[in-house]
């Protein structure tokens, strides 16, 4: 949970005030959060939800 809070706080900063190192660190933290979240039931639920949304959007485009 703490990692998710850190990601939100880092992403709230203005884009033009970030250095390249700061942007790379944000990417690393987001990837770490994704790796930790993916195998959990919450992560699987999010993946299922996003799959349903993508499927709905694809069918709406037909």
PDB file of N, CA and C in Angstrom:
ATOM      1  N   UNK A   1       0.827  -1.194   0.000  1.00  0.00           N
ATOM      2  CA  UNK A   1       0.000   0.000   0.000  1.00  0.00           C
ATOM      3  C   UNK A   1       0.871   1.259   0.000  1.00  0.00           C
ATOM      4  N   UNK A   2       1.947   1.215   0.762  1.00  0.00           N
ATOM      5  CA  UNK A   2       2.850   2.364   0.835  1.00  0.00           C
ATOM      6  C   UNK A   2       3.449   2.675  -0.532  1.00  0.00           C
ATOM      7  N   UNK A   3       3.776   1.623  -1.285  1.00  0.00           N
ATOM      8  CA  UNK A   3       4.340   1.838  -2.619  1.00  0.00           C
ATOM      9  C   UNK A   3       3.338   2.537  -3.533  1.00  0.00           C
ATOM     10  N   UNK A   4       2.061   2.199  -3.417  1.00  0.00           N
ATOM     11  CA  UNK A   4       1.032   2.859  -4.221  1.00  0.00           C
ATOM     12  C   UNK A   4       0.917   4.337  -3.849  1.00  0.00           C
ATOM     13  N   UNK A   5       1.006   4.644  -2.571  1.00  0.00           N
ATOM     14  CA  UNK A   5       0.957   6.044  -2.125  1.00  0.00           C
ATOM     15  C   UNK A   5       2.154   6.819  -2.677  1.00  0.00           C
ATOM     16  N   UNK A   6       3.330   6.196  -2.647  1.00  0.00           N
ATOM     17  CA  UNK A   6       4.529   6.851  -3.186  1.00  0.00           C
ATOM     18  C   UNK A   6       4.363   7.143  -4.673  1.00  0.00           C
ATOM     19  N   UNK A   7       3.805   6.188  -5.414  1.00  0.00           N
ATOM     20  CA  UNK A   7       3.587   6.392  -6.855  1.00  0.00           C
ATOM     21  C   UNK A   7       2.651   7.572  -7.090  1.00  0.00           C
ATOM     22  N   UNK A   8       1.554   7.621  -6.350  1.00  0.00           N
ATOM     23  CA  UNK A   8       0.596   8.720  -6.529  1.00  0.00           C
ATOM     24  C   UNK A   8       1.248  10.056  -6.216  1.00  0.00           C
ATOM     25  N   UNK A   9       1.999  10.117  -5.134  1.00  0.00           N
ATOM     26  CA  UNK A   9       2.657  11.378  -4.774  1.00  0.00           C
ATOM     27  C   UNK A   9       3.676  11.809  -5.822  1.00  0.00           C
ATOM     28  N   UNK A  10       4.418  10.851  -6.368  1.00  0.00           N
ATOM     29  CA  UNK A  10       5.424  11.187  -7.386  1.00  0.00           C
ATOM     30  C   UNK A  10       4.762  11.643  -8.688  1.00  0.00           C
ATOM     31  N   UNK A  11       3.626  11.050  -9.024  1.00  0.00           N
ATOM     32  CA  UNK A  11       2.961  11.398 -10.280  1.00  0.00           C
ATOM     33  C   UNK A  11       2.207  12.722 -10.194  1.00  0.00           C
ATOM     34  N   UNK A  12       1.935  13.185  -8.988  1.00  0.00           N
ATOM     35  CA  UNK A  12       1.229  14.463  -8.836  1.00  0.00           C
ATOM     36  C   UNK A  12       2.140  15.649  -9.115  1.00  0.00           C
ATOM     37  N   UNK A  13       3.448  15.437  -9.077  1.00  0.00           N
ATOM     38  CA  UNK A  13       4.376  16.543  -9.330  1.00  0.00           C
ATOM     39  C   UNK A  13       4.266  16.994 -10.777  1.00  0.00           C
ATOM     40  N   UNK A  14       4.544  18.262 -11.008  1.00  0.00           N
ATOM     41  CA  UNK A  14       4.469  18.789 -12.366  1.00  0.00           C
ATOM     42  C   UNK A  14       5.552  18.149 -13.232  1.00  0.00           C
ATOM     43  N   UNK A  15       5.224  17.921 -14.483  1.00  0.00           N
ATOM     44  CA  UNK A  15       6.125  17.231 -15.402  1.00  0.00           C
ATOM     45  C   UNK A  15       7.391  18.029 -15.653  1.00  0.00           C
ATOM     46  N   UNK A  16       7.283  19.330 -15.857  1.00  0.00           N
ATOM     47  CA  UNK A  16       8.472  20.104 -16.221  1.00  0.00           C
ATOM     48  C   UNK A  16       9.444  20.280 -15.061  1.00  0.00           C
ATOM     49  N   UNK A  17       9.046  19.931 -13.838  1.00  0.00           N
ATOM     50  CA  UNK A  17       9.962  20.058 -12.710  1.00  0.00           C
ATOM     51  C   UNK A  17      10.703  18.754 -12.421  1.00  0.00           C
ATOM     52  N   UNK A  18      10.478  17.721 -13.224  1.00  0.00           N
ATOM     53  CA  UNK A  18      11.126  16.435 -13.006  1.00  0.00           C
ATOM     54  C   UNK A  18      12.428  16.339 -13.798  1.00  0.00           C
ATOM     55  N   UNK A  19      13.411  15.740 -13.186  1.00  0.00           N
ATOM     56  CA  UNK A  19      14.657  15.460 -13.891  1.00  0.00           C
ATOM     57  C   UNK A  19      14.537  14.084 -14.548  1.00  0.00           C
ATOM     58  N   UNK A  20      15.478  13.755 -15.395  1.00  0.00           N
ATOM     59  CA  UNK A  20      15.457  12.431 -16.033  1.00  0.00           C
ATOM     60  C   UNK A  20      15.612  11.329 -14.987  1.00  0.00           C
ATOM     61  N   UNK A  21      16.451  11.561 -13.991  1.00  0.00           N
ATOM     62  CA  UNK A  21      16.637  10.569 -12.933  1.00  0.00           C
ATOM     63  C   UNK A  21      15.336  10.374 -12.153  1.00  0.00           C
ATOM     64  N   UNK A  22      14.623  11.457 -11.906  1.00  0.00           N
ATOM     65  CA  UNK A  22      13.352  11.381 -11.197  1.00  0.00           C
ATOM     66  C   UNK A  22      12.328  10.591 -12.004  1.00  0.00           C
ATOM     67  N   UNK A  23      12.284  10.805 -13.302  1.00  0.00           N
ATOM     68  CA  UNK A  23      11.356  10.070 -14.159  1.00  0.00           C
ATOM     69  C   UNK A  23      11.706   8.582 -14.186  1.00  0.00           C
ATOM     70  N   UNK A  24      13.002   8.270 -14.262  1.00  0.00           N
ATOM     71  CA  UNK A  24      13.427   6.866 -14.275  1.00  0.00           C
ATOM     72  C   UNK A  24      13.086   6.188 -12.957  1.00  0.00           C
ATOM     73  N   UNK A  25      13.263   6.902 -11.853  1.00  0.00           N
ATOM     74  CA  UNK A  25      12.935   6.341 -10.545  1.00  0.00           C
ATOM     75  C   UNK A  25      11.436   6.065 -10.443  1.00  0.00           C
ATOM     76  N   UNK A  26      10.614   6.953 -10.983  1.00  0.00           N
ATOM     77  CA  UNK A  26       9.169   6.740 -10.977  1.00  0.00           C
ATOM     78  C   UNK A  26       8.809   5.491 -11.768  1.00  0.00           C
ATOM     79  N   UNK A  27       9.438   5.297 -12.916  1.00  0.00           N
ATOM     80  CA  UNK A  27       9.187   4.110 -13.738  1.00  0.00           C
ATOM     81  C   UNK A  27       9.571   2.848 -12.975  1.00  0.00           C
ATOM     82  N   UNK A  28      10.711   2.856 -12.307  1.00  0.00           N
ATOM     83  CA  UNK A  28      11.160   1.694 -11.551  1.00  0.00           C
ATOM     84  C   UNK A  28      10.175   1.382 -10.416  1.00  0.00           C
ATOM     85  N   UNK A  29       9.705   2.409  -9.726  1.00  0.00           N
ATOM     86  CA  UNK A  29       8.758   2.201  -8.630  1.00  0.00           C
ATOM     87  C   UNK A  29       7.440   1.650  -9.158  1.00  0.00           C
ATOM     88  N   UNK A  30       6.957   2.182 -10.280  1.00  0.00           N
ATOM     89  CA  UNK A  30       5.703   1.692 -10.860  1.00  0.00           C
ATOM     90  C   UNK A  30       5.857   0.238 -11.313  1.00  0.00           C
ATOM     91  N   UNK A  31       6.987  -0.097 -11.906  1.00  0.00           N
ATOM     92  CA  UNK A  31       7.219  -1.491 -12.315  1.00  0.00           C
ATOM     93  C   UNK A  31       7.268  -2.413 -11.098  1.00  0.00           C
ATOM     94  N   UNK A  32       7.919  -1.972 -10.029  1.00  0.00           N
ATOM     95  CA  UNK A  32       7.975  -2.776  -8.806  1.00  0.00           C
ATOM     96  C   UNK A  32       6.573  -2.991  -8.249  1.00  0.00           C
ATOM     97  N   UNK A  33       5.757  -1.945  -8.261  1.00  0.00           N
ATOM     98  CA  UNK A  33       4.375  -2.078  -7.799  1.00  0.00           C
ATOM     99  C   UNK A  33       3.615  -3.076  -8.661  1.00  0.00           C
ATOM    100  N   UNK A  34       3.806  -3.009  -9.956  1.00  0.00           N
ATOM    101  CA  UNK A  34       3.143  -3.947 -10.863  1.00  0.00           C
ATOM    102  C   UNK A  34       3.556  -5.388 -10.617  1.00  0.00           C
ATOM    103  N   UNK A  35       4.840  -5.604 -10.374  1.00  0.00           N
ATOM    104  CA  UNK A  35       5.328  -6.964 -10.108  1.00  0.00           C
ATOM    105  C   UNK A  35       4.769  -7.495  -8.794  1.00  0.00           C
ATOM    106  N   UNK A  36       4.665  -6.628  -7.798  1.00  0.00           N
ATOM    107  CA  UNK A  36       4.126  -7.055  -6.513  1.00  0.00           C
ATOM    108  C   UNK A  36       2.619  -7.280  -6.569  1.00  0.00           C
ATOM    109  N   UNK A  37       1.920  -6.508  -7.378  1.00  0.00           N
ATOM    110  CA  UNK A  37       0.467  -6.563  -7.434  1.00  0.00           C
ATOM    111  C   UNK A  37      -0.051  -7.674  -8.346  1.00  0.00           C
ATOM    112  N   UNK A  38       0.684  -7.994  -9.387  1.00  0.00           N
ATOM    113  CA  UNK A  38       0.204  -8.916 -10.427  1.00  0.00           C
ATOM    114  C   UNK A  38      -0.236 -10.283  -9.907  1.00  0.00           C
ATOM    115  N   UNK A  39       0.515 -10.949  -9.040  1.00  0.00           N
ATOM    116  CA  UNK A  39       0.095 -12.301  -8.646  1.00  0.00           C
ATOM    117  C   UNK A  39      -0.982 -12.347  -7.552  1.00  0.00           C
ATOM    118  N   UNK A  40      -1.401 -11.214  -7.047  1.00  0.00           N
ATOM    119  CA  UNK A  40      -2.382 -11.193  -5.971  1.00  0.00           C
ATOM    120  C   UNK A  40      -3.802 -11.252  -6.536  1.00  0.00           C
ATOM    121  N   UNK A  41      -4.777 -11.604  -5.721  1.00  0.00           N
ATOM    122  CA  UNK A  41      -6.174 -11.595  -6.184  1.00  0.00           C
ATOM    123  C   UNK A  41      -6.624 -10.207  -6.648  1.00  0.00           C
ATOM    124  N   UNK A  42      -6.131  -9.168  -5.988  1.00  0.00           N
ATOM    125  CA  UNK A  42      -6.475  -7.800  -6.403  1.00  0.00           C
ATOM    126  C   UNK A  42      -5.920  -7.529  -7.799  1.00  0.00           C
ATOM    127  N   UNK A  43      -4.689  -7.923  -8.025  1.00  0.00           N
ATOM    128  CA  UNK A  43      -4.072  -7.731  -9.340  1.00  0.00           C
ATOM    129  C   UNK A  43      -4.798  -8.494 -10.429  1.00  0.00           C
ATOM    130  N   UNK A  44      -5.223  -9.730 -10.109  1.00  0.00           N
ATOM    131  CA  UNK A  44      -5.973 -10.524 -11.086  1.00  0.00           C
ATOM    132  C   UNK A  44      -7.336  -9.898 -11.374  1.00  0.00           C
ATOM    133  N   UNK A  45      -7.949  -9.318 -10.347  1.00  0.00           N
ATOM    134  CA  UNK A  45      -9.235  -8.638 -10.539  1.00  0.00           C
ATOM    135  C   UNK A  45      -9.091  -7.416 -11.429  1.00  0.00           C
ATOM    136  N   UNK A  46      -8.036  -6.646 -11.206  1.00  0.00           N
ATOM    137  CA  UNK A  46      -7.772  -5.469 -12.042  1.00  0.00           C
ATOM    138  C   UNK A  46      -7.542  -5.893 -13.486  1.00  0.00           C
ATOM    139  N   UNK A  47      -6.749  -6.953 -13.672  1.00  0.00           N
ATOM    140  CA  UNK A  47      -6.485  -7.452 -15.026  1.00  0.00           C
ATOM    141  C   UNK A  47      -7.767  -7.905 -15.707  1.00  0.00           C
ATOM    142  N   UNK A  48      -8.620  -8.599 -14.966  1.00  0.00           N
ATOM    143  CA  UNK A  48      -9.898  -9.053 -15.515  1.00  0.00           C
ATOM    144  C   UNK A  48     -10.777  -7.864 -15.897  1.00  0.00           C
ATOM    145  N   UNK A  49     -10.840  -6.864 -15.022  1.00  0.00           N
ATOM    146  CA  UNK A  49     -11.640  -5.673 -15.292  1.00  0.00           C
ATOM    147  C   UNK A  49     -11.131  -4.941 -16.534  1.00  0.00           C
ATOM    148  N   UNK A  50      -9.818  -4.751 -16.622  1.00  0.00           N
ATOM    149  CA  UNK A  50      -9.259  -4.055 -17.787  1.00  0.00           C
ATOM    150  C   UNK A  50      -9.484  -4.853 -19.067  1.00  0.00           C
ATOM    151  N   UNK A  51      -9.446  -6.180 -18.971  1.00  0.00           N
ATOM    152  CA  UNK A  51      -9.749  -7.010 -20.137  1.00  0.00           C
ATOM    153  C   UNK A  51     -11.178  -6.849 -20.599  1.00  0.00           C
ATOM    154  N   UNK A  52     -12.110  -6.748 -19.661  1.00  0.00           N
ATOM    155  CA  UNK A  52     -13.514  -6.546 -20.005  1.00  0.00           C
ATOM    156  C   UNK A  52     -13.737  -5.173 -20.631  1.00  0.00           C
ATOM    157  N   UNK A  53     -13.066  -4.161 -20.089  1.00  0.00           N
ATOM    158  CA  UNK A  53     -13.176  -2.817 -20.648  1.00  0.00           C
ATOM    159  C   UNK A  53     -12.639  -2.789 -22.077  1.00  0.00           C
ATOM    160  N   UNK A  54     -11.472  -3.402 -22.286  1.00  0.00           N
ATOM    161  CA  UNK A  54     -10.872  -3.432 -23.619  1.00  0.00           C
ATOM    162  C   UNK A  54     -11.776  -4.193 -24.602  1.00  0.00           C
ATOM    163  N   UNK A  55     -12.367  -5.280 -24.137  1.00  0.00           N
ATOM    164  CA  UNK A  55     -13.276  -6.041 -24.983  1.00  0.00           C
ATOM    165  C   UNK A  55     -14.506  -5.227 -25.351  1.00  0.00           C
ATOM    166  N   UNK A  56     -15.048  -4.506 -24.379  1.00  0.00           N
ATOM    167  CA  UNK A  56     -16.210  -3.649 -24.639  1.00  0.00           C
ATOM    168  C   UNK A  56     -15.904  -2.541 -25.612  1.00  0.00           C
ATOM    169  N   UNK A  57     -14.732  -1.933 -25.472  1.00  0.00           N
ATOM    170  CA  UNK A  57     -14.326  -0.864 -26.396  1.00  0.00           C
ATOM    171  C   UNK A  57     -14.135  -1.411 -27.797  1.00  0.00           C
ATOM    172  N   UNK A  58     -13.538  -2.608 -27.898  1.00  0.00           N
ATOM    173  CA  UNK A  58     -13.315  -3.212 -29.207  1.00  0.00           C
ATOM    174  C   UNK A  58     -14.643  -3.542 -29.892  1.00  0.00           C
ATOM    175  N   UNK A  59     -15.615  -4.036 -29.125  1.00  0.00           N
ATOM    176  CA  UNK A  59     -16.920  -4.376 -29.704  1.00  0.00           C
ATOM    177  C   UNK A  59     -17.706  -3.124 -30.061  1.00  0.00           C
ATOM    178  N   UNK A  60     -17.530  -2.063 -29.309  1.00  0.00           N
ATOM    179  CA  UNK A  60     -18.225  -0.811 -29.605  1.00  0.00           C
ATOM    180  C   UNK A  60     -17.699  -0.189 -30.889  1.00  0.00           C
ATOM    181  N   UNK A  61     -16.451  -0.471 -31.220  1.00  0.00           N
ATOM    182  CA  UNK A  61     -15.860   0.081 -32.438  1.00  0.00           C
ATOM    183  C   UNK A  61     -16.292  -0.631 -33.703  1.00  0.00           C
ATOM    184  N   UNK A  62     -16.969  -1.751 -33.559  1.00  0.00           N
ATOM    185  CA  UNK A  62     -17.385  -2.543 -34.746  1.00  0.00           C
ATOM    186  C   UNK A  62     -18.664  -2.045 -35.328  1.00  0.00           C
TER     187      UNK A  62
END
